[in-house]
């Protein structure tokens, strides 16, 4: 019993350290903005395509805000996944019952990209980076009762 408690304490301490530095990088669906954010919504990096700046201040604000929200949600989801791996699904489910559903489990609100101005050529599309870079990202959702 003491060994199990010691493992839990070590897992909790490691989880705390991991969550302090956790970020997620997301590209807006229109390819004009990329944001790296923490689960707290802190913006760590922001990259704007020059074509976005030509669309005006309101379009820039909307795209940046949407991309920050997507990056923050991805970081929060990654933190839920790490918590489930470190502490077990039972505790993750308990946290979700208190904090609310994880971002990717709650209702998805797709982003609508702004319409390009007349005469503007759309930017060249690059392959998207995955939203959540976690090889075990679906383990919690595949069978929440199978892991303890």
C-alpha atoms as a PDB file:
ATOM      1  CA  UNK A   1       0.000   0.000   0.000  1.00  0.00           C
ATOM      2  CA  UNK A   2       2.842   2.390   0.818  1.00  0.00           C
ATOM      3  CA  UNK A   3       4.481   1.698  -2.547  1.00  0.00           C
ATOM      4  CA  UNK A   4       1.229   2.555  -4.356  1.00  0.00           C
ATOM      5  CA  UNK A   5       0.948   5.823  -2.411  1.00  0.00           C
ATOM      6  CA  UNK A   6       4.583   6.682  -3.180  1.00  0.00           C
ATOM      7  CA  UNK A   7       3.984   6.015  -6.895  1.00  0.00           C
ATOM      8  CA  UNK A   8       0.903   8.268  -6.812  1.00  0.00           C
ATOM      9  CA  UNK A   9       2.869  11.050  -5.136  1.00  0.00           C
ATOM     10  CA  UNK A  10       5.652  10.766  -7.723  1.00  0.00           C
ATOM     11  CA  UNK A  11       3.143  10.672 -10.585  1.00  0.00           C
ATOM     12  CA  UNK A  12       1.365  13.742  -9.202  1.00  0.00           C
ATOM     13  CA  UNK A  13       4.639  15.633  -8.841  1.00  0.00           C
ATOM     14  CA  UNK A  14       5.722  14.720 -12.376  1.00  0.00           C
ATOM     15  CA  UNK A  15       2.293  15.713 -13.711  1.00  0.00           C
ATOM     16  CA  UNK A  16       2.582  19.108 -12.004  1.00  0.00           C
ATOM     17  CA  UNK A  17       5.983  19.694 -13.653  1.00  0.00           C
ATOM     18  CA  UNK A  18       4.688  18.565 -17.054  1.00  0.00           C
ATOM     19  CA  UNK A  19       1.621  20.805 -16.879  1.00  0.00           C
ATOM     20  CA  UNK A  20       3.709  23.877 -16.023  1.00  0.00           C
ATOM     21  CA  UNK A  21       5.435  23.767 -19.423  1.00  0.00           C
ATOM     22  CA  UNK A  22       2.656  22.264 -21.535  1.00  0.00           C
ATOM     23  CA  UNK A  23       1.629  24.114 -24.717  1.00  0.00           C
ATOM     24  CA  UNK A  24      -0.164  23.313 -27.946  1.00  0.00           C
ATOM     25  CA  UNK A  25       0.372  24.796 -31.397  1.00  0.00           C
ATOM     26  CA  UNK A  26      -2.589  25.145 -33.746  1.00  0.00           C
ATOM     27  CA  UNK A  27      -2.973  26.605 -37.215  1.00  0.00           C
ATOM     28  CA  UNK A  28      -6.250  28.358 -38.073  1.00  0.00           C
ATOM     29  CA  UNK A  29      -8.290  26.451 -40.685  1.00  0.00           C
ATOM     30  CA  UNK A  30      -7.704  29.238 -43.221  1.00  0.00           C
ATOM     31  CA  UNK A  31      -3.914  28.853 -42.832  1.00  0.00           C
ATOM     32  CA  UNK A  32      -3.361  32.540 -42.061  1.00  0.00           C
ATOM     33  CA  UNK A  33      -2.516  32.296 -38.354  1.00  0.00           C
ATOM     34  CA  UNK A  34      -0.648  29.897 -36.076  1.00  0.00           C
ATOM     35  CA  UNK A  35      -0.671  30.131 -32.263  1.00  0.00           C
ATOM     36  CA  UNK A  36       1.150  28.327 -29.479  1.00  0.00           C
ATOM     37  CA  UNK A  37      -0.757  28.639 -26.189  1.00  0.00           C
ATOM     38  CA  UNK A  38      -0.788  27.178 -22.691  1.00  0.00           C
ATOM     39  CA  UNK A  39      -3.856  25.623 -21.029  1.00  0.00           C
ATOM     40  CA  UNK A  40      -4.281  28.939 -19.179  1.00  0.00           C
ATOM     41  CA  UNK A  41      -4.608  30.780 -22.493  1.00  0.00           C
ATOM     42  CA  UNK A  42      -1.159  32.351 -22.352  1.00  0.00           C
ATOM     43  CA  UNK A  43       0.066  33.051 -25.878  1.00  0.00           C
ATOM     44  CA  UNK A  44       3.623  31.738 -26.256  1.00  0.00           C
ATOM     45  CA  UNK A  45       3.967  32.300 -30.021  1.00  0.00           C
ATOM     46  CA  UNK A  46       1.887  34.013 -32.706  1.00  0.00           C
ATOM     47  CA  UNK A  47       2.552  33.835 -36.444  1.00  0.00           C
ATOM     48  CA  UNK A  48       0.447  35.814 -38.923  1.00  0.00           C
ATOM     49  CA  UNK A  49       0.458  35.360 -42.676  1.00  0.00           C
ATOM     50  CA  UNK A  50       0.892  38.703 -44.522  1.00  0.00           C
ATOM     51  CA  UNK A  51      -2.370  38.045 -46.434  1.00  0.00           C
ATOM     52  CA  UNK A  52      -4.285  38.202 -43.137  1.00  0.00           C
ATOM     53  CA  UNK A  53      -2.972  41.681 -42.372  1.00  0.00           C
ATOM     54  CA  UNK A  54      -4.435  42.919 -45.668  1.00  0.00           C
ATOM     55  CA  UNK A  55      -7.942  41.910 -44.533  1.00  0.00           C
ATOM     56  CA  UNK A  56      -8.174  44.619 -41.879  1.00  0.00           C
ATOM     57  CA  UNK A  57      -8.019  44.877 -38.117  1.00  0.00           C
ATOM     58  CA  UNK A  58     -11.350  43.193 -37.432  1.00  0.00           C
ATOM     59  CA  UNK A  59     -10.458  40.106 -39.492  1.00  0.00           C
ATOM     60  CA  UNK A  60      -7.049  39.903 -37.794  1.00  0.00           C
ATOM     61  CA  UNK A  61      -8.683  40.129 -34.360  1.00  0.00           C
ATOM     62  CA  UNK A  62     -11.268  37.463 -35.135  1.00  0.00           C
ATOM     63  CA  UNK A  63      -8.777  35.010 -36.630  1.00  0.00           C
ATOM     64  CA  UNK A  64      -6.250  35.507 -33.817  1.00  0.00           C
ATOM     65  CA  UNK A  65      -8.962  35.122 -31.148  1.00  0.00           C
ATOM     66  CA  UNK A  66     -10.321  31.943 -32.754  1.00  0.00           C
ATOM     67  CA  UNK A  67      -6.844  30.469 -33.153  1.00  0.00           C
ATOM     68  CA  UNK A  68      -5.924  31.251 -29.540  1.00  0.00           C
ATOM     69  CA  UNK A  69      -9.132  29.527 -28.433  1.00  0.00           C
ATOM     70  CA  UNK A  70      -8.315  26.461 -30.548  1.00  0.00           C
ATOM     71  CA  UNK A  71      -4.726  26.321 -29.241  1.00  0.00           C
ATOM     72  CA  UNK A  72      -5.868  26.761 -25.635  1.00  0.00           C
ATOM     73  CA  UNK A  73      -8.472  24.009 -26.057  1.00  0.00           C
ATOM     74  CA  UNK A  74      -5.818  21.706 -27.528  1.00  0.00           C
ATOM     75  CA  UNK A  75      -3.497  22.433 -24.586  1.00  0.00           C
ATOM     76  CA  UNK A  76      -6.306  21.825 -22.074  1.00  0.00           C
ATOM     77  CA  UNK A  77      -7.155  18.560 -23.834  1.00  0.00           C
ATOM     78  CA  UNK A  78      -3.521  17.486 -23.693  1.00  0.00           C
ATOM     79  CA  UNK A  79      -3.469  18.266 -19.967  1.00  0.00           C
ATOM     80  CA  UNK A  80      -6.596  16.108 -19.455  1.00  0.00           C
ATOM     81  CA  UNK A  81      -4.896  13.285 -21.383  1.00  0.00           C
ATOM     82  CA  UNK A  82      -1.690  13.575 -19.336  1.00  0.00           C
ATOM     83  CA  UNK A  83      -3.719  13.645 -16.114  1.00  0.00           C
ATOM     84  CA  UNK A  84      -5.576  10.474 -17.116  1.00  0.00           C
ATOM     85  CA  UNK A  85      -2.291   8.723 -17.914  1.00  0.00           C
ATOM     86  CA  UNK A  86      -0.577   9.843 -14.715  1.00  0.00           C
ATOM     87  CA  UNK A  87      -3.383   9.527 -12.181  1.00  0.00           C
ATOM     88  CA  UNK A  88      -5.806   7.112 -13.784  1.00  0.00           C
ATOM     89  CA  UNK A  89      -9.076   7.540 -15.577  1.00  0.00           C
ATOM     90  CA  UNK A  90     -11.118   7.519 -12.367  1.00  0.00           C
ATOM     91  CA  UNK A  91      -9.497  10.707 -11.118  1.00  0.00           C
ATOM     92  CA  UNK A  92      -9.670  12.267 -14.582  1.00  0.00           C
ATOM     93  CA  UNK A  93     -13.406  11.555 -14.691  1.00  0.00           C
ATOM     94  CA  UNK A  94     -13.784  13.086 -11.217  1.00  0.00           C
ATOM     95  CA  UNK A  95     -11.917  16.222 -12.317  1.00  0.00           C
ATOM     96  CA  UNK A  96     -14.076  16.449 -15.440  1.00  0.00           C
ATOM     97  CA  UNK A  97     -17.212  16.210 -13.311  1.00  0.00           C
ATOM     98  CA  UNK A  98     -15.996  19.228 -11.319  1.00  0.00           C
ATOM     99  CA  UNK A  99     -14.323  21.291 -14.069  1.00  0.00           C
ATOM    100  CA  UNK A 100     -16.649  20.366 -16.925  1.00  0.00           C
ATOM    101  CA  UNK A 101     -16.067  18.333 -20.042  1.00  0.00           C
ATOM    102  CA  UNK A 102     -12.702  18.416 -21.722  1.00  0.00           C
ATOM    103  CA  UNK A 103     -12.659  20.698 -24.781  1.00  0.00           C
ATOM    104  CA  UNK A 104     -12.729  17.941 -27.401  1.00  0.00           C
ATOM    105  CA  UNK A 105     -15.482  16.046 -25.610  1.00  0.00           C
ATOM    106  CA  UNK A 106     -17.774  19.079 -25.336  1.00  0.00           C
ATOM    107  CA  UNK A 107     -19.768  20.320 -28.304  1.00  0.00           C
ATOM    108  CA  UNK A 108     -17.489  21.257 -31.151  1.00  0.00           C
ATOM    109  CA  UNK A 109     -17.897  24.794 -32.436  1.00  0.00           C
ATOM    110  CA  UNK A 110     -16.214  24.870 -35.850  1.00  0.00           C
ATOM    111  CA  UNK A 111     -14.410  27.993 -36.949  1.00  0.00           C
ATOM    112  CA  UNK A 112     -15.673  29.744 -40.063  1.00  0.00           C
ATOM    113  CA  UNK A 113     -12.750  31.238 -41.982  1.00  0.00           C
ATOM    114  CA  UNK A 114     -13.151  34.840 -43.164  1.00  0.00           C
ATOM    115  CA  UNK A 115     -13.824  35.405 -46.847  1.00  0.00           C
ATOM    116  CA  UNK A 116     -10.805  36.720 -48.782  1.00  0.00           C
ATOM    117  CA  UNK A 117     -11.074  40.199 -50.260  1.00  0.00           C
ATOM    118  CA  UNK A 118     -11.749  40.445 -53.995  1.00  0.00           C
ATOM    119  CA  UNK A 119      -8.603  39.977 -56.075  1.00  0.00           C
ATOM    120  CA  UNK A 120      -6.572  38.392 -53.239  1.00  0.00           C
ATOM    121  CA  UNK A 121      -5.119  35.024 -54.062  1.00  0.00           C
ATOM    122  CA  UNK A 122      -5.461  32.535 -51.206  1.00  0.00           C
ATOM    123  CA  UNK A 123      -2.181  31.654 -49.516  1.00  0.00           C
ATOM    124  CA  UNK A 124      -0.430  28.432 -50.362  1.00  0.00           C
ATOM    125  CA  UNK A 125      -1.727  25.669 -48.096  1.00  0.00           C
ATOM    126  CA  UNK A 126       0.750  23.798 -45.953  1.00  0.00           C
ATOM    127  CA  UNK A 127       0.045  20.455 -44.313  1.00  0.00           C
ATOM    128  CA  UNK A 128      -1.450  20.965 -40.885  1.00  0.00           C
ATOM    129  CA  UNK A 129       0.339  19.953 -37.737  1.00  0.00           C
ATOM    130  CA  UNK A 130      -1.689  17.702 -35.452  1.00  0.00           C
ATOM    131  CA  UNK A 131      -3.680  19.599 -32.841  1.00  0.00           C
ATOM    132  CA  UNK A 132      -2.727  17.232 -30.029  1.00  0.00           C
ATOM    133  CA  UNK A 133       0.687  15.586 -30.204  1.00  0.00           C
ATOM    134  CA  UNK A 134       0.057  12.686 -27.843  1.00  0.00           C
ATOM    135  CA  UNK A 135       0.358   9.072 -29.036  1.00  0.00           C
ATOM    136  CA  UNK A 136      -2.133   7.935 -26.404  1.00  0.00           C
ATOM    137  CA  UNK A 137      -4.625  10.772 -26.872  1.00  0.00           C
ATOM    138  CA  UNK A 138      -7.609   8.492 -27.387  1.00  0.00           C
ATOM    139  CA  UNK A 139      -6.914   6.056 -24.555  1.00  0.00           C
ATOM    140  CA  UNK A 140      -9.165   7.947 -22.141  1.00  0.00           C
ATOM    141  CA  UNK A 141     -12.070   8.157 -24.544  1.00  0.00           C
ATOM    142  CA  UNK A 142     -11.892   4.656 -26.039  1.00  0.00           C
ATOM    143  CA  UNK A 143     -12.703   2.922 -22.768  1.00  0.00           C
ATOM    144  CA  UNK A 144     -12.840   5.177 -19.712  1.00  0.00           C
ATOM    145  CA  UNK A 145     -13.540   2.212 -17.430  1.00  0.00           C
ATOM    146  CA  UNK A 146     -10.872  -0.151 -18.750  1.00  0.00           C
ATOM    147  CA  UNK A 147      -7.820   1.512 -17.159  1.00  0.00           C
ATOM    148  CA  UNK A 148      -7.272   1.954 -13.448  1.00  0.00           C
END
